C-alpha atoms as a PDB file:
ATOM      1  CA  MET A   1      -1.319 179.886  69.756  1.00  0.00           C
ATOM      2  CA  PRO A   2      -4.422 177.849  70.692  1.00  0.00           C
ATOM      3  CA  VAL A   3      -5.140 177.450  74.275  1.00  0.00           C
ATOM      4  CA  VAL A   4      -5.621 173.640  73.427  1.00  0.00           C
ATOM      5  CA  GLU A   5      -3.059 171.751  71.494  1.00  0.00           C
ATOM      6  CA  THR A   6      -3.147 168.220  70.155  1.00  0.00           C
ATOM      7  CA  GLU A   7      -0.509 165.973  68.666  1.00  0.00           C
ATOM      8  CA  ARG A   8      -1.299 162.238  67.106  1.00  0.00           C
ATOM      9  CA  HIS A   9       1.337 159.504  67.662  1.00  0.00           C
ATOM     10  CA  GLY A  10      -0.439 156.878  65.777  1.00  0.00           C
ATOM     11  CA  PRO A  11      -3.412 155.618  67.910  1.00  0.00           C
ATOM     12  CA  ILE A  12      -2.148 157.679  70.953  1.00  0.00           C
ATOM     13  CA  LEU A  13      -3.618 161.545  71.238  1.00  0.00           C
ATOM     14  CA  VAL A  14      -1.588 164.147  73.359  1.00  0.00           C
ATOM     15  CA  VAL A  15      -3.948 166.864  74.640  1.00  0.00           C
ATOM     16  CA  ARG A  16      -2.082 169.885  75.898  1.00  0.00           C
ATOM     17  CA  MET A  17      -3.343 172.918  77.663  1.00  0.00           C
ATOM     18  CA  ASN A  18      -1.708 175.829  76.605  1.00  0.00           C
ATOM     19  CA  ARG A  19      -1.921 178.991  78.517  1.00  0.00           C
ATOM     20  CA  PRO A  20       1.430 178.807  80.279  1.00  0.00           C
ATOM     21  CA  ASP A  21       1.414 182.597  81.239  1.00  0.00           C
ATOM     22  CA  ARG A  22      -1.623 181.749  83.628  1.00  0.00           C
ATOM     23  CA  LEU A  23      -0.505 178.260  84.462  1.00  0.00           C
ATOM     24  CA  ASN A  24      -3.183 176.885  82.232  1.00  0.00           C
ATOM     25  CA  ALA A  25      -6.166 178.285  84.102  1.00  0.00           C
ATOM     26  CA  LEU A  26      -9.514 177.160  83.025  1.00  0.00           C
ATOM     27  CA  ASN A  27     -11.178 179.845  81.128  1.00  0.00           C
ATOM     28  CA  HIS A  28     -14.591 179.572  79.151  1.00  0.00           C
ATOM     29  CA  GLU A  29     -12.399 179.152  75.870  1.00  0.00           C
ATOM     30  CA  MET A  30     -10.229 176.338  77.191  1.00  0.00           C
ATOM     31  CA  ARG A  31     -13.141 174.539  78.620  1.00  0.00           C
ATOM     32  CA  THR A  32     -14.977 174.618  75.102  1.00  0.00           C
ATOM     33  CA  LEU A  33     -11.902 173.388  73.391  1.00  0.00           C
ATOM     34  CA  LEU A  34     -11.359 170.636  75.631  1.00  0.00           C
ATOM     35  CA  ALA A  35     -14.874 169.428  75.317  1.00  0.00           C
ATOM     36  CA  GLU A  36     -14.637 169.535  71.616  1.00  0.00           C
ATOM     37  CA  THR A  37     -11.095 167.734  71.769  1.00  0.00           C
ATOM     38  CA  TRP A  38     -12.482 164.875  73.871  1.00  0.00           C
ATOM     39  CA  THR A  39     -15.661 164.609  71.983  1.00  0.00           C
ATOM     40  CA  GLU A  40     -13.471 164.196  68.712  1.00  0.00           C
ATOM     41  CA  PHE A  41     -11.247 161.711  70.522  1.00  0.00           C
ATOM     42  CA  ARG A  42     -14.217 159.916  71.819  1.00  0.00           C
ATOM     43  CA  HIS A  43     -15.649 159.079  68.241  1.00  0.00           C
ATOM     44  CA  SER A  44     -12.399 158.781  66.497  1.00  0.00           C
ATOM     45  CA  ASP A  45     -11.873 155.203  64.809  1.00  0.00           C
ATOM     46  CA  THR A  46      -8.201 155.504  65.003  1.00  0.00           C
ATOM     47  CA  LEU A  47      -7.291 157.259  68.379  1.00  0.00           C
ATOM     48  CA  GLU A  48      -7.507 154.784  71.365  1.00  0.00           C
ATOM     49  CA  VAL A  49      -5.445 156.340  74.380  1.00  0.00           C
ATOM     50  CA  ALA A  50      -4.796 159.782  75.357  1.00  0.00           C
ATOM     51  CA  ILE A  51      -1.868 161.680  77.517  1.00  0.00           C
ATOM     52  CA  PHE A  52      -3.461 164.718  79.135  1.00  0.00           C
ATOM     53  CA  THR A  53      -0.862 167.421  80.056  1.00  0.00           C
ATOM     54  CA  GLY A  54      -0.171 171.209  80.269  1.00  0.00           C
ATOM     55  CA  SER A  55       2.486 173.518  78.840  1.00  0.00           C
ATOM     56  CA  GLY A  56       4.951 175.315  81.041  1.00  0.00           C
ATOM     57  CA  ARG A  57       5.387 175.063  84.667  1.00  0.00           C
ATOM     58  CA  GLY A  58       1.864 174.194  85.567  1.00  0.00           C
ATOM     59  CA  PHE A  59      -0.558 171.118  84.539  1.00  0.00           C
ATOM     60  CA  CYS A  60      -3.392 173.339  85.226  1.00  0.00           C
ATOM     61  CA  ALA A  61      -4.138 176.015  88.071  1.00  0.00           C
ATOM     62  CA  GLY A  62      -8.008 175.425  88.093  1.00  0.00           C
ATOM     63  CA  GLU A  63     -10.542 178.088  87.622  1.00  0.00           C
ATOM     64  CA  ASP A  64      -9.647 181.237  85.952  1.00  0.00           C
ATOM     65  CA  MET A  65     -10.242 183.679  88.868  1.00  0.00           C
ATOM     66  CA  LYS A  66     -10.022 186.910  87.004  1.00  0.00           C
ATOM     67  CA  GLU A  67     -12.550 185.610  84.424  1.00  0.00           C
ATOM     68  CA  SER A  68     -14.926 184.566  87.089  1.00  0.00           C
ATOM     69  CA  LEU A  69     -14.623 188.058  88.783  1.00  0.00           C
ATOM     70  CA  ALA A  70     -15.415 189.664  85.547  1.00  0.00           C
ATOM     71  CA  ASN A  71     -18.536 187.790  84.858  1.00  0.00           C
ATOM     72  CA  ASN A  72     -19.527 187.587  88.694  1.00  0.00           C
ATOM     73  CA  GLN A  73     -19.871 183.969  88.186  1.00  0.00           C
ATOM     74  CA  PRO A  74     -17.845 181.704  90.657  1.00  0.00           C
ATOM     75  CA  GLY A  75     -16.825 178.312  89.287  1.00  0.00           C
ATOM     76  CA  GLY A  76     -16.698 179.923  85.473  1.00  0.00           C
ATOM     77  CA  ARG A  77     -18.654 179.352  82.570  1.00  0.00           C
ATOM     78  CA  ARG A  78     -19.072 175.844  81.603  1.00  0.00           C
ATOM     79  CA  PRO A  79     -19.099 175.186  77.629  1.00  0.00           C
ATOM     80  CA  ALA A  80     -22.308 174.533  75.802  1.00  0.00           C
ATOM     81  CA  ILE A  81     -21.637 171.221  74.741  1.00  0.00           C
ATOM     82  CA  GLU A  82     -21.282 167.964  76.916  1.00  0.00           C
ATOM     83  CA  ASP A  83     -17.460 167.156  77.639  1.00  0.00           C
ATOM     84  CA  PRO A  84     -17.352 163.447  77.903  1.00  0.00           C
ATOM     85  CA  PHE A  85     -14.115 163.563  79.626  1.00  0.00           C
ATOM     86  CA  MET A  86     -15.831 165.280  82.688  1.00  0.00           C
ATOM     87  CA  SER A  87     -19.316 163.819  82.297  1.00  0.00           C
ATOM     88  CA  GLY A  88     -17.820 159.944  82.368  1.00  0.00           C
ATOM     89  CA  ALA A  89     -19.038 159.257  78.800  1.00  0.00           C
ATOM     90  CA  LEU A  90     -15.391 158.838  77.477  1.00  0.00           C
ATOM     91  CA  GLU A  91     -14.896 155.102  77.024  1.00  0.00           C
ATOM     92  CA  LYS A  92     -11.365 155.322  76.132  1.00  0.00           C
ATOM     93  CA  PRO A  93      -8.264 155.290  78.780  1.00  0.00           C
ATOM     94  CA  VAL A  94      -6.810 159.058  79.681  1.00  0.00           C
ATOM     95  CA  ILE A  95      -3.202 158.986  81.128  1.00  0.00           C
ATOM     96  CA  ALA A  96      -2.189 162.340  83.194  1.00  0.00           C
ATOM     97  CA  ALA A  97       1.200 163.539  82.464  1.00  0.00           C
ATOM     98  CA  VAL A  98       1.202 166.146  85.291  1.00  0.00           C
ATOM     99  CA  ASN A  99       4.143 168.624  84.521  1.00  0.00           C
ATOM    100  CA  GLY A 100       3.461 170.924  87.369  1.00  0.00           C
ATOM    101  CA  PHE A 101       0.895 172.661  89.482  1.00  0.00           C
ATOM    102  CA  ALA A 102      -2.438 170.856  89.448  1.00  0.00           C
ATOM    103  CA  MET A 103      -4.409 173.059  91.834  1.00  0.00           C
ATOM    104  CA  GLY A 104      -8.539 173.199  92.180  1.00  0.00           C
ATOM    105  CA  GLY A 105     -10.222 172.312  88.992  1.00  0.00           C
ATOM    106  CA  GLY A 106      -6.782 171.244  87.730  1.00  0.00           C
ATOM    107  CA  PHE A 107      -6.381 168.734  90.484  1.00  0.00           C
ATOM    108  CA  MET A 108     -10.086 167.246  89.432  1.00  0.00           C
ATOM    109  CA  LEU A 109      -8.819 166.763  85.930  1.00  0.00           C
ATOM    110  CA  VAL A 110      -5.925 164.640  87.021  1.00  0.00           C
ATOM    111  CA  GLU A 111      -8.618 163.045  89.273  1.00  0.00           C
ATOM    112  CA  ARG A 112     -10.760 161.875  86.496  1.00  0.00           C
ATOM    113  CA  THR A 113      -7.595 160.057  84.534  1.00  0.00           C
ATOM    114  CA  ASP A 114      -7.035 156.564  84.866  1.00  0.00           C
ATOM    115  CA  LEU A 115      -3.360 156.454  84.973  1.00  0.00           C
ATOM    116  CA  ARG A 116      -1.241 159.110  86.481  1.00  0.00           C
ATOM    117  CA  VAL A 117       2.356 160.306  85.785  1.00  0.00           C
ATOM    118  CA  ALA A 118       3.855 163.181  87.679  1.00  0.00           C
ATOM    119  CA  ALA A 119       7.086 165.229  87.885  1.00  0.00           C
ATOM    120  CA  ARG A 120       8.779 164.926  91.055  1.00  0.00           C
ATOM    121  CA  THR A 121       8.449 168.879  91.369  1.00  0.00           C
ATOM    122  CA  ALA A 122       4.635 168.924  90.857  1.00  0.00           C
ATOM    123  CA  ILE A 123       2.346 170.213  93.662  1.00  0.00           C
ATOM    124  CA  PHE A 124      -1.495 169.189  94.192  1.00  0.00           C
ATOM    125  CA  GLU A 125      -4.271 170.983  96.012  1.00  0.00           C
ATOM    126  CA  VAL A 126      -7.866 170.370  96.455  1.00  0.00           C
ATOM    127  CA  SER A 127      -8.944 174.117  96.669  1.00  0.00           C
ATOM    128  CA  GLU A 128     -12.561 173.876  97.179  1.00  0.00           C
ATOM    129  CA  ALA A 129     -12.107 174.897 101.010  1.00  0.00           C
ATOM    130  CA  LYS A 130     -10.666 178.206 100.142  1.00  0.00           C
ATOM    131  CA  ARG A 131     -13.323 179.091  97.276  1.00  0.00           C
ATOM    132  CA  TRP A 132     -16.493 177.614  98.447  1.00  0.00           C
ATOM    133  CA  LEU A 133     -18.751 176.956 101.375  1.00  0.00           C
ATOM    134  CA  LEU A 134     -17.643 173.293 101.513  1.00  0.00           C
ATOM    135  CA  GLY A 135     -14.489 171.855 101.078  1.00  0.00           C
ATOM    136  CA  GLY A 136     -13.583 169.050  98.611  1.00  0.00           C
ATOM    137  CA  TYR A 137     -15.216 166.148 100.810  1.00  0.00           C
ATOM    138  CA  ASN A 138     -15.327 163.558  97.976  1.00  0.00           C
ATOM    139  CA  HIS A 139     -11.871 163.725  96.658  1.00  0.00           C
ATOM    140  CA  GLY A 140     -10.384 161.575  99.205  1.00  0.00           C
ATOM    141  CA  HIS A 141     -13.348 159.405  99.382  1.00  0.00           C
ATOM    142  CA  ILE A 142     -12.838 158.835  95.587  1.00  0.00           C
ATOM    143  CA  ALA A 143      -9.290 158.123  95.907  1.00  0.00           C
ATOM    144  CA  ASN A 144      -9.944 155.588  98.785  1.00  0.00           C
ATOM    145  CA  VAL A 145      -7.188 157.105 101.078  1.00  0.00           C
ATOM    146  CA  SER A 146      -7.365 157.026 104.979  1.00  0.00           C
ATOM    147  CA  TYR A 147      -9.686 159.594 106.955  1.00  0.00           C
ATOM    148  CA  PRO A 148      -6.917 161.992 108.161  1.00  0.00           C
ATOM    149  CA  VAL A 149      -5.447 162.129 104.791  1.00  0.00           C
ATOM    150  CA  ALA A 150      -9.090 162.714 103.179  1.00  0.00           C
ATOM    151  CA  MET A 151      -9.741 165.466 105.694  1.00  0.00           C
ATOM    152  CA  GLU A 152      -6.253 167.110 104.936  1.00  0.00           C
ATOM    153  CA  MET A 153      -7.206 166.971 101.068  1.00  0.00           C
ATOM    154  CA  ALA A 154     -10.574 168.382 101.950  1.00  0.00           C
ATOM    155  CA  LEU A 155      -9.068 171.242 104.013  1.00  0.00           C
ATOM    156  CA  GLY A 156      -6.986 172.490 101.057  1.00  0.00           C
ATOM    157  CA  PHE A 157      -3.484 171.415 102.115  1.00  0.00           C
ATOM    158  CA  ARG A 158      -0.849 171.098  99.425  1.00  0.00           C
ATOM    159  CA  PHE A 159       0.667 167.581  98.558  1.00  0.00           C
ATOM    160  CA  THR A 160       4.032 166.976  96.801  1.00  0.00           C
ATOM    161  CA  ALA A 161       4.225 164.318  94.132  1.00  0.00           C
ATOM    162  CA  GLU A 162       6.111 161.939  96.465  1.00  0.00           C
ATOM    163  CA  ARG A 163       3.442 162.052  99.215  1.00  0.00           C
ATOM    164  CA  PHE A 164       0.789 161.278  96.640  1.00  0.00           C
ATOM    165  CA  HIS A 165       2.897 158.515  95.074  1.00  0.00           C
ATOM    166  CA  GLN A 166       3.331 157.058  98.744  1.00  0.00           C
ATOM    167  CA  ILE A 167      -0.609 156.944  99.369  1.00  0.00           C
ATOM    168  CA  GLY A 168      -1.363 155.295  95.745  1.00  0.00           C
ATOM    169  CA  PHE A 169      -2.817 158.736  94.013  1.00  0.00           C
ATOM    170  CA  LEU A 170      -0.048 158.445  91.526  1.00  0.00           C
ATOM    171  CA  ASN A 171       1.273 155.461  89.356  1.00  0.00           C
ATOM    172  CA  ARG A 172       4.662 156.949  88.658  1.00  0.00           C
ATOM    173  CA  VAL A 173       6.904 159.928  90.055  1.00  0.00           C
ATOM    174  CA  VAL A 174       9.704 160.886  87.457  1.00  0.00           C
ATOM    175  CA  GLU A 175      12.142 163.723  86.775  1.00  0.00           C
ATOM    176  CA  PRO A 176      10.339 166.638  85.046  1.00  0.00           C
ATOM    177  CA  GLU A 177      11.991 165.978  81.636  1.00  0.00           C
ATOM    178  CA  ASP A 178      11.100 162.284  81.923  1.00  0.00           C
ATOM    179  CA  VAL A 179       7.044 162.758  82.403  1.00  0.00           C
ATOM    180  CA  MET A 180       5.929 162.527  78.675  1.00  0.00           C
ATOM    181  CA  ALA A 181       8.486 159.716  77.931  1.00  0.00           C
ATOM    182  CA  GLU A 182       7.143 157.698  81.038  1.00  0.00           C
ATOM    183  CA  ALA A 183       3.450 158.553  80.228  1.00  0.00           C
ATOM    184  CA  MET A 184       4.007 157.375  76.224  1.00  0.00           C
ATOM    185  CA  GLY A 185       5.592 154.316  77.487  1.00  0.00           C
ATOM    186  CA  MET A 186       2.082 153.374  79.663  1.00  0.00           C
ATOM    187  CA  ALA A 187      -0.090 154.264  76.636  1.00  0.00           C
ATOM    188  CA  GLU A 188       2.078 152.221  74.363  1.00  0.00           C
ATOM    189  CA  HIS A 189       1.532 149.148  76.936  1.00  0.00           C
ATOM    190  CA  LEU A 190      -2.189 149.825  76.618  1.00  0.00           C
ATOM    191  CA  MET A 191      -1.975 149.511  73.028  1.00  0.00           C
ATOM    192  CA  THR A 192      -0.640 145.997  73.054  1.00  0.00           C
ATOM    193  CA  LEU A 193      -3.527 144.613  74.964  1.00  0.00           C
ATOM    194  CA  PRO A 194      -6.469 143.097  72.907  1.00  0.00           C
ATOM    195  CA  PRO A 195      -8.906 146.194  71.967  1.00  0.00           C
ATOM    196  CA  ALA A 196     -11.679 144.692  74.030  1.00  0.00           C
ATOM    197  CA  SER A 197      -9.710 143.713  76.768  1.00  0.00           C
ATOM    198  CA  ARG A 198      -8.338 147.419  77.050  1.00  0.00           C
ATOM    199  CA  VAL A 199     -12.004 149.013  76.858  1.00  0.00           C
ATOM    200  CA  ASN A 200     -13.905 146.331  78.977  1.00  0.00           C
ATOM    201  CA  THR A 201     -11.109 146.391  81.800  1.00  0.00           C
ATOM    202  CA  VAL A 202     -11.190 150.162  81.991  1.00  0.00           C
ATOM    203  CA  HIS A 203     -14.763 150.473  82.209  1.00  0.00           C
ATOM    204  CA  MET A 204     -14.830 147.689  84.733  1.00  0.00           C
ATOM    205  CA  MET A 205     -12.496 149.508  86.920  1.00  0.00           C
ATOM    206  CA  ARG A 206     -14.252 152.815  86.716  1.00  0.00           C
ATOM    207  CA  GLN A 207     -17.578 151.107  87.742  1.00  0.00           C
ATOM    208  CA  MET A 208     -15.350 149.874  91.090  1.00  0.00           C
ATOM    209  CA  ARG A 209     -14.271 153.522  92.272  1.00  0.00           C
ATOM    210  CA  PRO A 210     -15.926 154.574  95.414  1.00  0.00           C
ATOM    211  CA  GLU A 211     -18.405 157.344  95.206  1.00  0.00           C
ATOM    212  CA  PRO A 212     -20.213 159.295  98.003  1.00  0.00           C
ATOM    213  CA  SER A 213     -23.872 157.971  98.590  1.00  0.00           C
ATOM    214  CA  VAL A 214     -26.768 159.895  97.286  1.00  0.00           C
ATOM    215  CA  ALA A 215     -27.604 161.058 101.012  1.00  0.00           C
ATOM    216  CA  LEU A 216     -24.336 162.510 101.201  1.00  0.00           C
ATOM    217  CA  GLN A 217     -24.622 164.277  98.143  1.00  0.00           C
ATOM    218  CA  ARG A 218     -27.959 165.821  99.239  1.00  0.00           C
ATOM    219  CA  LEU A 219     -25.910 166.985 102.574  1.00  0.00           C
ATOM    220  CA  ALA A 220     -23.198 168.213 100.449  1.00  0.00           C
ATOM    221  CA  ALA A 221     -25.686 170.371  98.381  1.00  0.00           C
ATOM    222  CA  ALA A 222     -27.311 171.767 101.518  1.00  0.00           C
ATOM    223  CA  LEU A 223     -23.782 172.675 102.901  1.00  0.00           C
ATOM    224  CA  HIS A 224     -22.922 174.382  99.843  1.00  0.00           C
ATOM    225  CA  ASP A 225     -25.798 176.942 100.451  1.00  0.00           C
ATOM    226  CA  HIS A 226     -25.081 176.782 104.183  1.00  0.00           C
ATOM    227  CA  GLY A 227     -23.402 180.467 104.950  1.00  0.00           C
ATOM    228  CA  ASP A 228     -22.604 183.841 103.382  1.00  0.00           C
ATOM    229  CA  LYS A 229     -22.313 182.991  99.650  1.00  0.00           C
ATOM    230  CA  GLY A 230     -20.715 186.420  99.077  1.00  0.00           C
ATOM    231  CA  ASP A 231     -17.551 184.817 100.453  1.00  0.00           C
ATOM    232  CA  LEU A 232     -17.143 182.952  97.180  1.00  0.00           C
ATOM    233  CA  MET A 233     -16.689 186.072  95.196  1.00  0.00           C
ATOM    234  CA  GLU A 234     -14.591 187.492  98.148  1.00  0.00           C
ATOM    235  CA  SER A 235     -12.195 184.636  98.070  1.00  0.00           C
ATOM    236  CA  ARG A 236     -11.670 185.068  94.361  1.00  0.00           C
ATOM    237  CA  ALA A 237     -11.176 188.725  94.766  1.00  0.00           C
ATOM    238  CA  ALA A 238      -8.615 188.374  97.365  1.00  0.00           C
ATOM    239  CA  PHE A 239      -6.690 185.865  95.299  1.00  0.00           C
ATOM    240  CA  ALA A 240      -6.703 188.079  92.037  1.00  0.00           C
ATOM    241  CA  GLU A 241      -5.931 191.178  93.886  1.00  0.00           C
ATOM    242  CA  LYS A 242      -3.325 189.375  96.329  1.00  0.00           C
ATOM    243  CA  ARG A 243      -4.495 190.401  99.775  1.00  0.00           C
ATOM    244  CA  LYS A 244      -6.139 188.734 102.684  1.00  0.00           C
ATOM    245  CA  PRO A 245      -9.759 187.984 102.268  1.00  0.00           C
ATOM    246  CA  ASN A 246     -12.507 189.474 104.521  1.00  0.00           C
ATOM    247  CA  PHE A 247     -14.950 186.615 105.103  1.00  0.00           C
ATOM    248  CA  LYS A 248     -18.243 186.888 106.667  1.00  0.00           C
ATOM    249  CA  GLY A 249     -18.941 183.196 107.196  1.00  0.00           C
ATOM    250  CA  TRP A 250     -22.575 183.364 108.136  1.00  0.00           C
ATOM    251  CA  HIS A 251     -25.598 186.072 107.852  1.00  0.00           C
ATOM    252  CA  ASP A 252     -26.664 184.769 111.305  1.00  0.00           C
ATOM    253  CA  PRO A 253     -23.447 183.652 113.523  1.00  0.00           C
ATOM    254  CA  GLN A 254     -25.755 181.092 115.104  1.00  0.00           C
ATOM    255  CA  ASP A 255     -26.337 179.298 111.867  1.00  0.00           C
ATOM    256  CA  ARG A 256     -22.699 177.724 112.489  1.00  0.00           C
ATOM    257  CA  TYR A 257     -24.667 175.667 115.252  1.00  0.00           C
ATOM    258  CA  ARG A 258     -27.393 174.856 112.856  1.00  0.00           C
ATOM    259  CA  LEU A 259     -25.646 172.474 110.365  1.00  0.00           C
ATOM    260  CA  PRO A 260     -27.768 170.736 107.876  1.00  0.00           C
ATOM    261  CA  THR A 261     -27.736 166.709 108.787  1.00  0.00           C
ATOM    262  CA  LEU A 262     -28.336 163.585 106.999  1.00  0.00           C
ATOM    263  CA  GLU A 263     -31.450 163.476 108.717  1.00  0.00           C
ATOM    264  CA  SER A 264     -32.735 166.856 107.800  1.00  0.00           C
ATOM    265  CA  THR A 265     -31.578 166.512 104.104  1.00  0.00           C
ATOM    266  CA  LYS A 266     -33.518 163.012 103.894  1.00  0.00           C
ATOM    267  CA  GLU A 267     -36.112 162.841 101.102  1.00  0.00           C
END
């Protein structure tokens, strides 16, 4: 079975991640096939709206930890071609149909969609704090949620679909068996709009999304290097081996008090 499946419903494309035994974890093959699929969707003259979902009980568990360990490459290997969905080059709207777990990189896939339907049983987690030297500081910012909720997201706490609906991250929460029908209904609504109105409105709304400033991105880059980077692979090894991680933190314990600042990372 292909690790990415597609279905066409007139102008609507369903893109389904298909590694249910691994909760649709993102290995190199899946990343490459997704990049190819989104490229074909972008350049299609007949496809206008996409629904993005997963097979089995997970939407996407994020990074394939076992592949990362085998290749000694935290974060996994990216495809050789551009993925327009991830780069922001895709001009067409994408609706997430979140059928189950959306964790780490899987959460980031949901985050890049324009409209979001989730099963009531779906679970979400921003996982960077568990795998990198800096937690997912930008996700709550982009989602435009309050500071304590953004902090909760950044520190790797889990969220239910109901909670994310309450804070405005999700458009709809439905029973698991109704997820695809609800997403299809939203896609069909989009197809009733004049083509230019649909495309122009999506483009305008995307420009209005909050994003971290250049100065904050420079600080984040410095913090990604601030600590013992051996902890990156240790976090993945502990996950794969189902054991408690043995983190070191810093090469020099005093580095915890010598944090990079906005001033020190100023160009």
